[in-house]
C-alpha atoms as a PDB file:
ATOM      1  CA  MET A   1     -10.102  21.101  -4.925  1.00  0.00           C
ATOM      2  CA  SER A   2     -12.492  19.751  -2.020  1.00  0.00           C
ATOM      3  CA  TYR A   3     -12.724  16.291  -0.473  1.00  0.00           C
ATOM      4  CA  SER A   4     -16.109  16.106  -2.665  1.00  0.00           C
ATOM      5  CA  ASP A   5     -14.318  16.035  -5.779  1.00  0.00           C
ATOM      6  CA  PRO A   6     -10.602  14.240  -5.036  1.00  0.00           C
ATOM      7  CA  VAL A   7      -7.808  14.083  -7.391  1.00  0.00           C
ATOM      8  CA  ARG A   8      -7.685   9.762  -7.787  1.00  0.00           C
ATOM      9  CA  VAL A   9      -4.437   8.491  -8.227  1.00  0.00           C
ATOM     10  CA  THR A  10      -3.420   4.828  -8.480  1.00  0.00           C
ATOM     11  CA  TYR A  11      -0.218   3.720  -7.721  1.00  0.00           C
ATOM     12  CA  THR A  12       0.887   0.456  -8.970  1.00  0.00           C
ATOM     13  CA  GLN A  13       4.431  -1.728  -8.287  1.00  0.00           C
ATOM     14  CA  LYS A  14       4.714  -4.425 -10.290  1.00  0.00           C
ATOM     15  CA  GLY A  15       6.894  -8.171  -9.274  1.00  0.00           C
ATOM     16  CA  VAL A  16       6.575  -6.819  -5.294  1.00  0.00           C
ATOM     17  CA  ASP A  17       8.463  -9.333  -3.541  1.00  0.00           C
ATOM     18  CA  PHE A  18       6.742 -10.084  -0.061  1.00  0.00           C
ATOM     19  CA  THR A  19      10.057 -12.760   0.991  1.00  0.00           C
ATOM     20  CA  GLY A  20      11.974  -9.813   1.893  1.00  0.00           C
ATOM     21  CA  SER A  21      11.197  -6.999   4.465  1.00  0.00           C
ATOM     22  CA  ALA A  22      10.335  -3.566   2.485  1.00  0.00           C
ATOM     23  CA  ALA A  23      12.995  -4.436  -0.130  1.00  0.00           C
ATOM     24  CA  THR A  24      11.022  -2.808  -2.992  1.00  0.00           C
ATOM     25  CA  ASP A  25       9.793   0.676  -1.288  1.00  0.00           C
ATOM     26  CA  LEU A  26       7.596   3.123  -3.447  1.00  0.00           C
ATOM     27  CA  LYS A  27       8.461   6.275  -2.447  1.00  0.00           C
ATOM     28  CA  VAL A  28       5.185   8.981  -3.862  1.00  0.00           C
ATOM     29  CA  ALA A  29       4.189  12.082  -3.009  1.00  0.00           C
ATOM     30  CA  GLY A  30       0.987  13.800  -4.237  1.00  0.00           C
ATOM     31  CA  PRO A  31       0.240  16.898  -5.553  1.00  0.00           C
ATOM     32  CA  SER A  32       1.832  20.126  -4.272  1.00  0.00           C
ATOM     33  CA  GLY A  33      -0.152  21.690  -1.333  1.00  0.00           C
ATOM     34  CA  MET A  34      -3.104  18.790  -1.473  1.00  0.00           C
ATOM     35  CA  VAL A  35      -3.973  15.885   1.512  1.00  0.00           C
ATOM     36  CA  GLY A  36      -4.517  12.180   1.003  1.00  0.00           C
ATOM     37  CA  ARG A  37      -6.694   9.863   2.128  1.00  0.00           C
ATOM     38  CA  VAL A  38      -5.539   5.837   1.198  1.00  0.00           C
ATOM     39  CA  VAL A  39      -8.628   4.649  -0.437  1.00  0.00           C
ATOM     40  CA  SER A  40      -7.926   1.228  -1.577  1.00  0.00           C
ATOM     41  CA  VAL A  41      -4.978  -1.011  -0.873  1.00  0.00           C
ATOM     42  CA  SER A  42      -4.614  -4.671  -2.921  1.00  0.00           C
ATOM     43  CA  VAL A  43      -2.472  -7.423  -4.480  1.00  0.00           C
ATOM     44  CA  GLY A  44      -2.757  -9.507  -7.605  1.00  0.00           C
ATOM     45  CA  ILE A  45       0.003 -12.383  -6.563  1.00  0.00           C
ATOM     46  CA  THR A  46       1.548 -13.657  -9.760  1.00  0.00           C
ATOM     47  CA  THR A  47       4.096 -16.236  -7.563  1.00  0.00           C
ATOM     48  CA  ALA A  48       1.795 -18.322  -4.716  1.00  0.00           C
ATOM     49  CA  VAL A  49       2.717 -16.676  -1.287  1.00  0.00           C
ATOM     50  CA  THR A  50       3.843 -19.957   0.932  1.00  0.00           C
ATOM     51  CA  VAL A  51       4.467 -20.772   4.767  1.00  0.00           C
ATOM     52  CA  ALA A  52       4.043 -17.342   6.069  1.00  0.00           C
ATOM     53  CA  ALA A  53       1.296 -14.234   5.378  1.00  0.00           C
ATOM     54  CA  SER A  54       3.359 -10.958   4.520  1.00  0.00           C
ATOM     55  CA  THR A  55       1.898  -7.207   4.938  1.00  0.00           C
ATOM     56  CA  VAL A  56       1.400  -4.644   2.511  1.00  0.00           C
ATOM     57  CA  LEU A  57       2.364  -0.816   4.618  1.00  0.00           C
ATOM     58  CA  VAL A  58       0.926   2.572   3.683  1.00  0.00           C
ATOM     59  CA  GLY A  59       2.706   4.876   5.260  1.00  0.00           C
ATOM     60  CA  THR A  60       6.026   6.993   6.531  1.00  0.00           C
ATOM     61  CA  VAL A  61       9.463   5.918   6.625  1.00  0.00           C
ATOM     62  CA  ALA A  62       9.255   6.365  10.273  1.00  0.00           C
ATOM     63  CA  ASP A  63       5.793   4.646  10.790  1.00  0.00           C
ATOM     64  CA  THR A  64       5.827   2.226   8.002  1.00  0.00           C
ATOM     65  CA  ASP A  65       1.214   1.407   8.485  1.00  0.00           C
ATOM     66  CA  ALA A  66       0.844   4.822   9.007  1.00  0.00           C
ATOM     67  CA  TYR A  67      -2.491   5.040   6.590  1.00  0.00           C
ATOM     68  CA  ALA A  68      -3.003   1.693   5.800  1.00  0.00           C
ATOM     69  CA  SER A  69      -1.740  -2.045   5.847  1.00  0.00           C
ATOM     70  CA  LEU A  70      -3.128  -5.332   3.746  1.00  0.00           C
ATOM     71  CA  ALA A  71      -2.032  -8.656   5.111  1.00  0.00           C
ATOM     72  CA  VAL A  72      -1.051 -10.940   1.951  1.00  0.00           C
ATOM     73  CA  PRO A  73      -2.145 -14.475   3.074  1.00  0.00           C
ATOM     74  CA  VAL A  74      -0.200 -17.728   2.288  1.00  0.00           C
ATOM     75  CA  GLN A  75      -2.321 -17.994  -1.129  1.00  0.00           C
ATOM     76  CA  ALA A  76      -1.779 -19.922  -4.490  1.00  0.00           C
ATOM     77  CA  ILE A  77      -1.155 -17.783  -7.887  1.00  0.00           C
ATOM     78  CA  ASN A  78      -3.378 -15.755  -9.542  1.00  0.00           C
ATOM     79  CA  THR A  79      -5.838 -15.201  -6.497  1.00  0.00           C
ATOM     80  CA  THR A  80      -6.076 -11.545  -5.239  1.00  0.00           C
ATOM     81  CA  ALA A  81      -5.680  -9.941  -1.894  1.00  0.00           C
ATOM     82  CA  ASN A  82      -7.841  -6.628  -1.476  1.00  0.00           C
ATOM     83  CA  ASN A  83      -9.129  -6.563   2.259  1.00  0.00           C
ATOM     84  CA  PRO A  84      -6.741  -3.917   3.304  1.00  0.00           C
ATOM     85  CA  THR A  85      -6.963  -1.305   6.797  1.00  0.00           C
ATOM     86  CA  ILE A  86      -7.345   1.635   6.070  1.00  0.00           C
ATOM     87  CA  TYR A  87      -6.552   4.222   8.569  1.00  0.00           C
ATOM     88  CA  THR A  88      -9.654   7.124   7.732  1.00  0.00           C
ATOM     89  CA  ASP A  89      -9.655   9.509  10.972  1.00  0.00           C
ATOM     90  CA  ASP A  90      -9.503  13.240   9.869  1.00  0.00           C
ATOM     91  CA  ASP A  91      -6.489  13.386  11.759  1.00  0.00           C
ATOM     92  CA  ASN A  92      -4.365  10.738  10.553  1.00  0.00           C
ATOM     93  CA  LEU A  93      -4.909  12.336   7.252  1.00  0.00           C
ATOM     94  CA  ILE A  94      -1.575  12.262   4.622  1.00  0.00           C
ATOM     95  CA  PRO A  95      -0.080  15.785   5.234  1.00  0.00           C
ATOM     96  CA  ALA A  96       0.604  18.196   2.290  1.00  0.00           C
ATOM     97  CA  ASP A  97       3.778  17.550   0.518  1.00  0.00           C
ATOM     98  CA  SER A  98       4.929  14.827   2.481  1.00  0.00           C
ATOM     99  CA  LEU A  99       6.454  11.349   1.227  1.00  0.00           C
ATOM    100  CA  VAL A 100       4.229   8.250   1.634  1.00  0.00           C
ATOM    101  CA  VAL A 101       5.948   4.520   1.759  1.00  0.00           C
ATOM    102  CA  ILE A 102       4.521   1.917  -0.190  1.00  0.00           C
ATOM    103  CA  GLY A 103       6.145  -0.913   0.929  1.00  0.00           C
ATOM    104  CA  ASN A 104       6.362  -4.538   2.707  1.00  0.00           C
ATOM    105  CA  GLY A 105       6.940  -6.433   5.804  1.00  0.00           C
ATOM    106  CA  GLY A 106       8.311  -9.549   4.179  1.00  0.00           C
ATOM    107  CA  GLY A 107       8.145 -12.837   6.592  1.00  0.00           C
ATOM    108  CA  SER A 108       6.783 -15.129   3.147  1.00  0.00           C
ATOM    109  CA  THR A 109       9.254 -18.254   1.742  1.00  0.00           C
ATOM    110  CA  ALA A 110       7.847 -16.923  -1.692  1.00  0.00           C
ATOM    111  CA  GLY A 111       5.314 -15.200  -2.855  1.00  0.00           C
ATOM    112  CA  VAL A 112       5.411 -12.148  -5.687  1.00  0.00           C
ATOM    113  CA  GLY A 113       2.401  -9.504  -6.508  1.00  0.00           C
ATOM    114  CA  ASP A 114       1.304  -6.929  -7.920  1.00  0.00           C
ATOM    115  CA  VAL A 115       0.485  -3.302  -5.576  1.00  0.00           C
ATOM    116  CA  SER A 116      -2.339  -1.018  -6.285  1.00  0.00           C
ATOM    117  CA  VAL A 117      -2.599   1.777  -4.250  1.00  0.00           C
ATOM    118  CA  VAL A 118      -5.305   4.195  -4.641  1.00  0.00           C
ATOM    119  CA  ILE A 119      -4.872   7.676  -2.716  1.00  0.00           C
ATOM    120  CA  ASP A 120      -7.788  10.396  -2.820  1.00  0.00           C
ATOM    121  CA  TRP A 121      -5.777  13.604  -2.908  1.00  0.00           C
ATOM    122  CA  PHE A 122      -7.843  17.168  -2.224  1.00  0.00           C
END
């Protein structure tokens, strides 16, 4: 495999509650020996996010937003958040055989959504 022909994997977590910080972390690893790069982060809102915004974080246990983050603003049910900040520098690749943590920053008083993170492995 090469970066021009990666293995693209979508990691989905349904029912993420944005009221509790990192309450629903998803921990994933790529194919053995492959380096990764986050391509996309999105949320489909299934329960309105109220009072305060939250954030989806893609990183490590030690650095929760090392690879990407997505602001989830106060918004209505059946809407999306899909304008992430993705750190794409070559020195910020996901190391081979390492754990990636997908979580949230909490902060809203209500809000639930389905989170999708797309990572290319090469």
